[in-house]
Amino acid sequence: MSQDPVSMLEKYVEAFNAGDFETLVDFYHDDLYLNVSRGTELRGKQSVVDHYTGVRSMSQRTMTIDRAFSSGNQLAAEFVSEFAFLADDENFPSGPVRAGDKLFVHTFVHYELRDGLIWRGRSATFQRRWERAGQPAGDDD
């Protein structure tokens, strides 16, 4: 994919939000390494599909780009993600969840590109905000 990295990221987010993993993996280099939520390491395209398929099985996640910029093979972005949980899960990476809970996560991600594709990525969380079903909203971090 030879295009502006920020435009590529916008298309990536469209595929991500649609759950279109077939298109999503086209944005990844074959030698992909991502460090995502709470230090989870994903190596290779299939590990990303497996990870996010699991997340999507219990929640509807929508990701938006707050801001993004690039220079050379570097791409940095701020994302705001909303998770609407469909099922209970005691082992969700951000903590136990119940159906009806919502989680809003503001993250910073630094990507390194190779051959115009996402090759490396490191994520850091700026803020987590929970809306627990039946309880007032509050910050986690």
Protein backbone atom coordinates (compact mmCIF):
# COMPACT_ATOMS: atom_id res chain seq x y z
CA MET A 1 0.00 0.00 0.00
CA SER A 2 1.64 3.17 -1.15
CA GLN A 3 -0.36 6.07 0.26
CA ASP A 4 -0.18 8.79 2.87
CA PRO A 5 0.16 7.05 6.27
CA VAL A 6 -2.63 9.07 7.90
CA SER A 7 -5.01 8.24 5.02
CA MET A 8 -3.98 4.59 5.37
CA LEU A 9 -4.76 4.75 9.10
CA GLU A 10 -8.23 6.16 8.39
CA LYS A 11 -8.96 3.21 6.07
CA TYR A 12 -7.51 0.83 8.66
CA VAL A 13 -9.91 2.17 11.31
CA GLU A 14 -12.85 1.78 8.90
CA ALA A 15 -11.96 -1.90 8.41
CA PHE A 16 -11.38 -2.36 12.14
CA ASN A 17 -14.75 -0.87 13.08
CA ALA A 18 -16.50 -3.01 10.47
CA GLY A 19 -14.84 -6.16 11.82
CA ASP A 20 -13.42 -6.71 8.33
CA PHE A 21 -10.34 -8.66 9.33
CA GLU A 22 -9.69 -9.80 5.77
CA THR A 23 -9.10 -6.17 4.79
CA LEU A 24 -7.50 -5.27 8.13
CA VAL A 25 -4.59 -7.69 7.72
CA ASP A 26 -3.75 -6.08 4.36
CA PHE A 27 -2.49 -3.07 6.35
CA TYR A 28 0.03 -5.23 8.24
CA HIS A 29 3.55 -6.22 7.28
CA ASP A 30 4.19 -9.99 7.36
CA ASP A 31 6.67 -9.47 10.23
CA LEU A 32 4.13 -7.61 12.39
CA TYR A 33 4.64 -6.96 16.11
CA LEU A 34 2.13 -4.99 18.21
CA ASN A 35 2.13 -4.26 21.92
CA VAL A 36 -1.46 -3.39 22.83
CA SER A 37 -3.67 -3.18 25.91
CA ARG A 38 -1.86 -3.75 29.20
CA GLY A 39 1.23 -5.18 27.52
CA THR A 40 -0.46 -7.83 25.37
CA GLU A 41 1.96 -8.78 22.58
CA LEU A 42 0.66 -9.73 19.15
CA ARG A 43 3.05 -11.25 16.62
CA GLY A 44 1.93 -11.84 13.06
CA LYS A 45 -1.34 -11.13 11.30
CA GLN A 46 -3.23 -14.13 12.65
CA SER A 47 -2.53 -13.20 16.26
CA VAL A 48 -4.23 -9.83 15.65
CA VAL A 49 -7.25 -11.53 14.10
CA ASP A 50 -7.46 -14.00 16.99
CA HIS A 51 -7.13 -11.26 19.63
CA TYR A 52 -9.73 -8.91 18.17
CA THR A 53 -12.13 -11.70 17.24
CA GLY A 54 -12.18 -12.55 20.95
CA VAL A 55 -12.79 -8.93 21.92
CA ARG A 56 -15.59 -8.62 19.34
CA SER A 57 -17.26 -11.78 20.62
CA MET A 58 -18.09 -10.02 23.90
CA SER A 59 -18.28 -6.35 22.92
CA GLN A 60 -19.03 -3.89 20.18
CA ARG A 61 -15.93 -1.74 19.83
CA THR A 62 -15.84 1.49 17.88
CA MET A 63 -12.52 3.26 17.44
CA THR A 64 -12.11 6.88 16.29
CA ILE A 65 -8.97 8.82 15.48
CA ASP A 66 -8.66 11.87 17.70
CA ARG A 67 -5.53 13.06 15.87
CA ALA A 68 -2.74 11.54 13.80
CA PHE A 69 0.47 12.63 12.12
CA SER A 70 3.35 11.01 10.28
CA SER A 71 6.94 11.64 9.34
CA GLY A 72 8.87 9.26 7.14
CA ASN A 73 8.17 5.72 8.33
CA GLN A 74 6.77 6.91 11.68
CA LEU A 75 3.03 7.27 12.37
CA ALA A 76 1.56 8.44 15.66
CA ALA A 77 -2.10 8.59 16.60
CA GLU A 78 -4.48 9.20 19.47
CA PHE A 79 -7.54 6.97 19.50
CA VAL A 80 -10.74 6.99 21.49
CA SER A 81 -12.39 3.58 21.68
CA GLU A 82 -15.82 2.72 23.02
CA PHE A 83 -16.55 -0.82 24.12
CA ALA A 84 -20.20 -1.76 24.67
CA PHE A 85 -20.18 -5.14 26.40
CA LEU A 86 -22.62 -7.79 25.25
CA ALA A 87 -21.68 -10.47 27.77
CA ASP A 88 -20.09 -10.96 31.17
CA ASP A 89 -16.37 -11.69 31.18
CA GLU A 90 -14.34 -12.08 34.37
CA ASN A 91 -11.07 -12.19 32.38
CA PHE A 92 -11.34 -9.12 30.14
CA PRO A 93 -7.87 -7.45 30.03
CA SER A 94 -9.13 -4.19 31.59
CA GLY A 95 -10.93 -6.05 34.37
CA PRO A 96 -14.15 -7.99 34.88
CA VAL A 97 -17.12 -6.76 32.84
CA ARG A 98 -20.86 -7.33 32.79
CA ALA A 99 -23.27 -7.17 29.88
CA GLY A 100 -24.38 -3.56 29.55
CA ASP A 101 -21.10 -2.06 30.80
CA LYS A 102 -19.33 0.51 28.62
CA LEU A 103 -15.65 1.32 28.59
CA PHE A 104 -14.10 4.38 26.94
CA VAL A 105 -10.34 4.20 26.35
CA HIS A 106 -8.11 7.03 25.11
CA THR A 107 -4.83 5.63 23.78
CA PHE A 108 -1.66 6.83 22.11
CA VAL A 109 -0.12 4.53 19.50
CA HIS A 110 3.26 4.83 17.81
CA TYR A 111 3.58 2.84 14.59
CA GLU A 112 6.65 2.09 12.53
CA LEU A 113 6.00 1.38 8.87
CA ARG A 114 7.90 -0.91 6.54
CA ASP A 115 7.11 -1.08 2.84
CA GLY A 116 4.17 1.26 3.55
CA LEU A 117 2.60 -1.22 5.99
CA ILE A 118 2.24 -1.34 9.76
CA TRP A 119 5.31 -3.22 10.96
CA ARG A 120 5.60 -2.30 14.66
CA GLY A 121 3.18 -0.68 17.05
CA ARG A 122 3.26 0.31 20.72
CA SER A 123 0.21 1.48 22.60
CA ALA A 124 -0.12 3.43 25.85
CA THR A 125 -3.35 4.26 27.63
CA PHE A 126 -4.01 7.85 28.63
CA GLN A 127 -7.42 7.32 30.21
CA ARG A 128 -10.01 4.61 30.88
CA ARG A 129 -13.53 5.61 31.83
CA TRP A 130 -16.17 3.08 32.82
CA GLU A 131 -19.93 3.31 32.65
CA ARG A 132 -21.02 0.30 34.65
CA ALA A 133 -24.54 -0.92 34.00
CA GLY A 134 -26.69 0.53 36.76
CA GLN A 135 -23.88 2.63 38.32
CA PRO A 136 -22.55 6.20 37.89
CA ALA A 137 -19.67 6.71 35.42
CA GLY A 138 -16.09 6.95 36.71
CA ASP A 139 -12.40 6.93 35.77
CA ASP A 140 -10.26 3.81 36.13
CA ASP A 141 -6.88 5.38 35.33
